[in-house]
Amino acid sequence: MASALPPGFGPARTRRIVSVTPEKFRIGLVQMACSLIADDNLDHAVDLIRDAAQKGAQIVCLQELFRSQYFCREEDARLFDLAETIPGPSTERLCPLAAELGVVIIASLFEKRAVGLYHNTAAVIDADGTLLGIYRKMHIPDDPCYYEKFYFTPGDLGFRAFDTKFGRIAALICWDQWYPEAARLASLTGANILFYPTAIGWHPSEKAQYGAAQLDAWTTIQRAHAIANGIYVAAVNRVGFEGPPDHGLEFWGSSFVADPFGQVIAQASTSSEEILIVECDPRRTEEVRRGWPFLRDRRIDAYAPILRRWLD
């Protein structure tokens, strides 16, 4: 019988193939409620990061715009005072904390880039306290109680990955999570996991009729990104009711982690502050992508029309 081995790999010339797979890593998702006082929220986040590190987290992700309540519920120019530079007050607090605890921190901030120019931005801090870089939210919504276009300029840095002490990661932000193009491009950077700092919830008048379907859609779309790209996906949302009783938002929490086959391996409640600690194994990505080789079978020669707004 002819050998099934390729040329050069017969008995006399057998070679040892060494596969280098990234190590397992543990993530911590910090799901918290926010007050009206920015410094109190920062202090609370610091305490929760410490708690996450004590519980074994190596990469800690905070929710979207964790330093304040979700101010985009209304259009008010005075709220631009919440913005800060990067580096700035938050990173000056979080960078030494990351170095002290030996953890990576992903912090979603209201960035003041220049006078009159603002972004919704995720800062990525390595475990030695180095500010590795930032990601600026690319997709900016404009819906009732989500008036982000009033505050934020769309991101201009593209979809990025960052090499941290514990692996290569990518951060996207909230509204980005509904776009398969964003997940695909971030995955193609070689990231081992996609983080989605988030602020999403129910309108009081809609919860009874649509609430369950909205939450299910939110979870489903991100699980689909995990499946389509064979990658871990971690979404971290806030909890609590913010704003006036008749037109505020009840943030639905439900922070979760999906594995590269889209299975939800941990999920928080809809109403309580929680820290999710989850171990992620890059070998699972290897396993899934070998069995479901979507990246191999992509027809990149046929996708040019996707760059058009609509196919007339």
Protein backbone atom coordinates (compact mmCIF):
# COMPACT_ATOMS: atom_id res chain seq x y z
CA MET A 1 0.00 0.00 0.00
CA ALA A 2 1.31 3.43 -0.89
CA SER A 3 2.18 5.73 1.96
CA ALA A 4 -0.47 8.30 2.90
CA LEU A 5 2.26 10.69 3.96
CA PRO A 6 3.31 13.52 1.65
CA PRO A 7 6.73 13.38 -0.06
CA GLY A 8 9.60 13.86 2.34
CA PHE A 9 7.67 12.48 5.32
CA GLY A 10 8.42 8.77 4.87
CA PRO A 11 9.80 6.59 7.69
CA ALA A 12 13.43 7.53 7.03
CA ARG A 13 12.70 11.29 6.98
CA THR A 14 9.88 11.73 9.46
CA ARG A 15 9.79 15.29 10.73
CA ARG A 16 8.44 16.50 14.00
CA ILE A 17 5.83 19.19 13.46
CA VAL A 18 5.50 21.55 16.39
CA SER A 19 2.29 23.57 16.57
CA VAL A 20 2.47 26.72 18.66
CA THR A 21 -0.95 27.53 20.12
CA PRO A 22 -1.54 30.52 22.39
CA GLU A 23 -2.06 29.75 26.05
CA LYS A 24 -5.43 29.69 27.75
CA PHE A 25 -6.49 33.00 29.26
CA ARG A 26 -9.14 34.09 31.75
CA ILE A 27 -11.36 37.07 31.14
CA GLY A 28 -13.40 39.10 33.60
CA LEU A 29 -16.52 40.98 32.47
CA VAL A 30 -17.55 43.74 34.86
CA GLN A 31 -21.31 44.34 34.74
CA MET A 32 -22.13 47.33 36.92
CA ALA A 33 -24.72 50.01 37.66
CA CYS A 34 -23.69 53.65 37.33
CA SER A 35 -24.48 56.71 39.42
CA LEU A 36 -24.61 60.37 38.40
CA ILE A 37 -21.15 61.04 39.88
CA ALA A 38 -18.31 60.21 37.48
CA ASP A 39 -15.60 59.84 40.13
CA ASP A 40 -17.76 57.46 42.14
CA ASN A 41 -18.22 55.30 39.06
CA LEU A 42 -14.47 55.24 38.46
CA ASP A 43 -13.85 54.27 42.09
CA HIS A 44 -16.47 51.53 41.85
CA ALA A 45 -14.95 50.22 38.61
CA VAL A 46 -11.52 50.10 40.24
CA ASP A 47 -12.93 48.06 43.13
CA LEU A 48 -14.60 45.64 40.72
CA ILE A 49 -11.43 45.28 38.64
CA ARG A 50 -9.57 44.38 41.83
CA ASP A 51 -12.25 41.83 42.62
CA ALA A 52 -12.05 40.36 39.11
CA ALA A 53 -8.25 40.08 39.35
CA GLN A 54 -8.52 38.39 42.75
CA LYS A 55 -10.90 35.87 41.18
CA GLY A 56 -8.34 35.04 38.50
CA ALA A 57 -9.17 37.33 35.60
CA GLN A 58 -6.24 38.21 33.36
CA ILE A 59 -8.13 40.45 30.91
CA VAL A 60 -10.82 42.68 32.42
CA CYS A 61 -13.39 44.47 30.27
CA LEU A 62 -15.60 47.29 31.53
CA GLN A 63 -18.95 48.21 30.01
CA GLU A 64 -19.50 51.03 27.53
CA LEU A 65 -19.00 54.55 28.97
CA PHE A 66 -18.64 53.18 32.50
CA ARG A 67 -17.67 56.55 34.05
CA SER A 68 -21.19 57.95 33.80
CA GLN A 69 -24.78 57.05 33.34
CA TYR A 70 -25.67 56.64 29.67
CA PHE A 71 -25.93 60.33 28.84
CA CYS A 72 -26.92 59.78 25.19
CA ARG A 73 -30.56 59.40 26.31
CA GLU A 74 -30.83 63.14 25.57
CA GLU A 75 -29.16 65.84 23.49
CA ASP A 76 -27.58 68.31 25.89
CA ALA A 77 -24.41 70.23 25.02
CA ARG A 78 -23.52 70.53 28.71
CA LEU A 79 -22.85 66.79 28.76
CA PHE A 80 -19.77 67.26 26.60
CA ASP A 81 -18.14 68.22 29.91
CA LEU A 82 -18.04 64.49 30.69
CA ALA A 83 -15.47 63.91 27.93
CA GLU A 84 -11.77 63.46 28.63
CA THR A 85 -8.54 63.13 26.73
CA ILE A 86 -6.73 59.82 26.24
CA PRO A 87 -4.29 59.66 27.96
CA GLY A 88 -6.24 61.48 30.65
CA PRO A 89 -7.82 61.12 34.09
CA SER A 90 -9.20 57.61 33.60
CA THR A 91 -6.10 56.09 32.03
CA GLU A 92 -3.93 57.80 34.65
CA ARG A 93 -5.88 55.81 37.22
CA LEU A 94 -6.24 52.55 35.30
CA CYS A 95 -2.74 52.17 33.87
CA PRO A 96 -1.04 51.94 37.30
CA LEU A 97 -3.86 49.64 38.43
CA ALA A 98 -3.23 47.29 35.51
CA ALA A 99 0.48 47.19 36.37
CA GLU A 100 -0.22 46.62 40.07
CA LEU A 101 -2.62 43.73 39.41
CA GLY A 102 -0.86 42.35 36.33
CA VAL A 103 -4.06 42.43 34.27
CA VAL A 104 -5.11 43.79 30.90
CA ILE A 105 -7.90 46.39 31.11
CA ILE A 106 -10.33 47.43 28.37
CA ALA A 107 -11.97 50.74 29.30
CA SER A 108 -14.68 52.43 27.24
CA LEU A 109 -14.38 56.23 27.48
CA PHE A 110 -15.96 59.43 26.18
CA GLU A 111 -12.91 60.74 24.34
CA LYS A 112 -12.25 64.44 23.80
CA ARG A 113 -9.93 64.36 20.81
CA ALA A 114 -10.00 68.12 20.26
CA VAL A 115 -12.30 71.02 20.97
CA GLY A 116 -15.57 70.09 19.30
CA LEU A 117 -14.36 66.60 18.27
CA TYR A 118 -15.41 63.63 20.36
CA HIS A 119 -15.40 59.83 20.06
CA ASN A 120 -16.77 56.79 21.85
CA THR A 121 -13.48 55.03 22.48
CA ALA A 122 -12.08 51.88 24.04
CA ALA A 123 -8.63 52.18 25.61
CA VAL A 124 -6.60 48.96 25.83
CA ILE A 125 -4.08 48.82 28.67
CA ASP A 126 -1.55 46.00 28.92
CA ALA A 127 -0.68 44.12 32.09
CA ASP A 128 2.45 46.23 32.62
CA GLY A 129 0.42 49.45 32.61
CA THR A 130 1.23 50.41 29.02
CA LEU A 131 -1.55 52.09 27.06
CA LEU A 132 -1.35 49.90 23.96
CA GLY A 133 -3.77 51.97 21.92
CA ILE A 134 -7.39 52.84 21.33
CA TYR A 135 -10.32 51.74 19.22
CA ARG A 136 -12.90 54.35 18.20
CA LYS A 137 -16.46 53.16 17.73
CA MET A 138 -17.19 52.92 14.02
CA HIS A 139 -20.98 52.61 13.91
CA ILE A 140 -22.87 55.43 15.63
CA PRO A 141 -26.60 54.98 16.31
CA ASP A 142 -29.34 57.60 16.36
CA ASP A 143 -32.51 56.18 17.89
CA PRO A 144 -34.88 57.30 20.64
CA CYS A 145 -32.80 57.48 23.87
CA TYR A 146 -29.67 56.55 21.89
CA TYR A 147 -28.76 59.93 20.39
CA GLU A 148 -25.10 59.13 19.89
CA LYS A 149 -24.69 61.03 16.63
CA PHE A 150 -25.13 64.23 18.63
CA TYR A 151 -22.02 63.40 20.67
CA PHE A 152 -19.70 61.12 18.71
CA THR A 153 -17.76 61.31 15.47
CA PRO A 154 -17.46 57.90 13.77
CA GLY A 155 -14.16 56.14 14.36
CA ASP A 156 -11.30 56.57 11.92
CA LEU A 157 -8.83 53.92 13.09
CA GLY A 158 -10.44 50.89 11.47
CA PHE A 159 -10.83 47.53 13.18
CA ARG A 160 -7.78 46.82 15.29
CA ALA A 161 -6.24 44.07 17.37
CA PHE A 162 -3.82 44.48 20.24
CA ASP A 163 -1.09 42.10 21.36
CA THR A 164 -1.37 41.88 25.14
CA LYS A 165 0.50 39.78 27.68
CA PHE A 166 -2.31 37.22 27.58
CA GLY A 167 -3.07 37.12 23.89
CA ARG A 168 -4.21 39.08 20.87
CA ILE A 169 -7.54 40.79 21.44
CA ALA A 170 -9.91 43.10 19.57
CA ALA A 171 -12.40 45.56 21.01
CA LEU A 172 -15.55 46.77 19.29
CA ILE A 173 -18.29 48.86 20.95
CA CYS A 174 -22.05 48.32 21.33
CA TRP A 175 -23.75 49.30 18.02
CA ASP A 176 -20.78 47.71 16.24
CA GLN A 177 -22.09 44.37 17.52
CA TRP A 178 -24.92 44.31 14.98
CA TYR A 179 -22.58 44.43 11.97
CA PRO A 180 -21.10 41.18 10.63
CA GLU A 181 -18.57 43.19 8.61
CA ALA A 182 -17.08 44.63 11.81
CA ALA A 183 -16.79 41.21 13.47
CA ARG A 184 -15.26 39.72 10.33
CA LEU A 185 -12.64 42.43 9.89
CA ALA A 186 -11.72 42.38 13.56
CA SER A 187 -11.42 38.59 13.41
CA LEU A 188 -9.18 38.79 10.36
CA THR A 189 -6.64 40.73 12.43
CA GLY A 190 -5.83 37.45 14.19
CA ALA A 191 -7.54 38.25 17.49
CA ASN A 192 -8.36 35.38 19.83
CA ILE A 193 -11.45 37.12 21.20
CA LEU A 194 -13.80 40.00 20.37
CA PHE A 195 -14.87 42.23 23.27
CA TYR A 196 -18.02 44.33 23.01
CA PRO A 197 -18.39 46.94 25.78
CA THR A 198 -22.11 47.73 25.66
CA ALA A 199 -24.93 49.94 26.94
CA ILE A 200 -28.27 48.55 25.79
CA GLY A 201 -31.64 48.20 27.43
CA TRP A 202 -35.41 48.36 27.24
CA HIS A 203 -37.65 51.38 26.77
CA PRO A 204 -40.32 51.12 29.52
CA SER A 205 -43.16 51.29 26.99
CA GLU A 206 -41.71 48.45 24.89
CA LYS A 207 -40.46 45.93 27.43
CA ALA A 208 -43.68 43.98 27.91
CA GLN A 209 -44.32 43.45 24.21
CA TYR A 210 -40.85 43.37 22.68
CA GLY A 211 -38.38 42.96 25.54
CA ALA A 212 -37.76 39.23 25.31
CA ALA A 213 -37.36 39.34 21.51
CA GLN A 214 -34.96 42.30 21.70
CA LEU A 215 -32.72 40.58 24.23
CA ASP A 216 -32.79 37.36 22.22
CA ALA A 217 -31.83 39.20 19.04
CA TRP A 218 -28.93 40.90 20.84
CA THR A 219 -27.58 37.59 22.06
CA THR A 220 -28.20 35.79 18.78
CA ILE A 221 -26.37 38.26 16.54
CA GLN A 222 -23.23 38.05 18.66
CA ARG A 223 -23.37 34.28 18.90
CA ALA A 224 -23.57 34.33 15.10
CA HIS A 225 -20.36 36.39 14.94
CA ALA A 226 -18.67 33.76 17.10
CA ILE A 227 -19.82 30.97 14.77
CA ALA A 228 -19.09 32.74 11.48
CA ASN A 229 -15.58 33.63 12.58
CA GLY A 230 -14.72 30.74 14.89
CA ILE A 231 -13.80 33.12 17.69
CA TYR A 232 -14.68 33.87 21.30
CA VAL A 233 -17.10 36.77 21.76
CA ALA A 234 -17.55 38.61 25.06
CA ALA A 235 -20.26 41.24 25.54
CA VAL A 236 -20.40 43.28 28.76
CA ASN A 237 -23.47 45.41 29.45
CA ARG A 238 -24.59 47.67 32.29
CA VAL A 239 -27.57 47.19 34.61
CA GLY A 240 -30.05 49.46 36.33
CA PHE A 241 -32.68 51.99 35.36
CA GLU A 242 -31.42 55.40 34.23
CA GLY A 243 -33.46 58.49 33.46
CA PRO A 244 -37.04 59.62 34.05
CA PRO A 245 -39.56 56.84 34.75
CA ASP A 246 -41.53 57.50 31.57
CA HIS A 247 -38.68 57.71 29.07
CA GLY A 248 -35.58 56.33 30.71
CA LEU A 249 -33.81 53.05 29.93
CA GLU A 250 -33.72 49.81 31.88
CA PHE A 251 -30.37 48.27 30.98
CA TRP A 252 -30.73 44.53 30.66
CA GLY A 253 -27.31 43.32 31.76
CA SER A 254 -27.04 39.72 30.51
CA SER A 255 -23.31 40.07 29.85
CA PHE A 256 -22.11 36.83 28.30
CA VAL A 257 -19.31 34.89 26.66
CA ALA A 258 -19.83 32.69 23.61
CA ASP A 259 -17.25 30.16 22.48
CA PRO A 260 -16.07 29.81 18.85
CA PHE A 261 -19.06 27.59 18.06
CA GLY A 262 -21.50 30.14 19.44
CA GLN A 263 -22.29 28.28 22.65
CA VAL A 264 -22.99 30.61 25.58
CA ILE A 265 -20.61 29.38 28.26
CA ALA A 266 -21.40 32.03 30.88
CA GLN A 267 -24.07 34.71 31.24
CA ALA A 268 -24.96 37.26 33.91
CA SER A 269 -28.42 38.22 35.14
CA THR A 270 -30.59 40.99 33.72
CA SER A 271 -30.66 43.04 36.91
CA SER A 272 -27.64 42.56 39.19
CA GLU A 273 -24.06 43.72 39.24
CA GLU A 274 -21.84 40.74 38.48
CA ILE A 275 -18.33 39.77 37.49
CA LEU A 276 -18.13 36.90 35.01
CA ILE A 277 -14.85 34.98 35.08
CA VAL A 278 -14.43 32.72 32.06
CA GLU A 279 -11.49 30.68 30.81
CA CYS A 280 -10.92 30.83 27.05
CA ASP A 281 -8.84 28.29 25.18
CA PRO A 282 -7.46 29.27 21.74
CA ARG A 283 -7.30 25.55 20.91
CA ARG A 284 -11.08 25.66 20.72
CA THR A 285 -10.76 28.18 17.88
CA GLU A 286 -8.33 25.85 16.14
CA GLU A 287 -10.70 22.93 16.57
CA VAL A 288 -13.78 24.79 15.32
CA ARG A 289 -12.08 26.41 12.34
CA ARG A 290 -10.73 23.05 11.18
CA GLY A 291 -14.22 21.56 11.18
CA TRP A 292 -16.06 24.64 9.89
CA PRO A 293 -13.51 26.35 7.61
CA PHE A 294 -15.51 29.49 6.78
CA LEU A 295 -12.36 31.58 6.46
CA ARG A 296 -10.92 29.12 3.93
CA ASP A 297 -14.02 29.13 1.75
CA ARG A 298 -14.61 32.86 1.61
CA ARG A 299 -14.94 34.16 -1.97
CA ILE A 300 -13.02 37.38 -1.52
CA ASP A 301 -12.91 37.77 -5.31
CA ALA A 302 -16.71 38.14 -5.37
CA TYR A 303 -17.35 40.51 -2.49
CA ALA A 304 -16.56 43.90 -4.07
CA PRO A 305 -20.27 44.89 -4.29
CA ILE A 306 -20.49 44.93 -0.49
CA LEU A 307 -18.64 48.24 -0.60
CA ARG A 308 -21.71 49.83 -2.15
CA ARG A 309 -24.52 51.22 0.00
CA TRP A 310 -27.20 49.39 -2.02
CA LEU A 311 -27.27 47.25 -5.14
CA ASP A 312 -29.63 49.06 -7.51
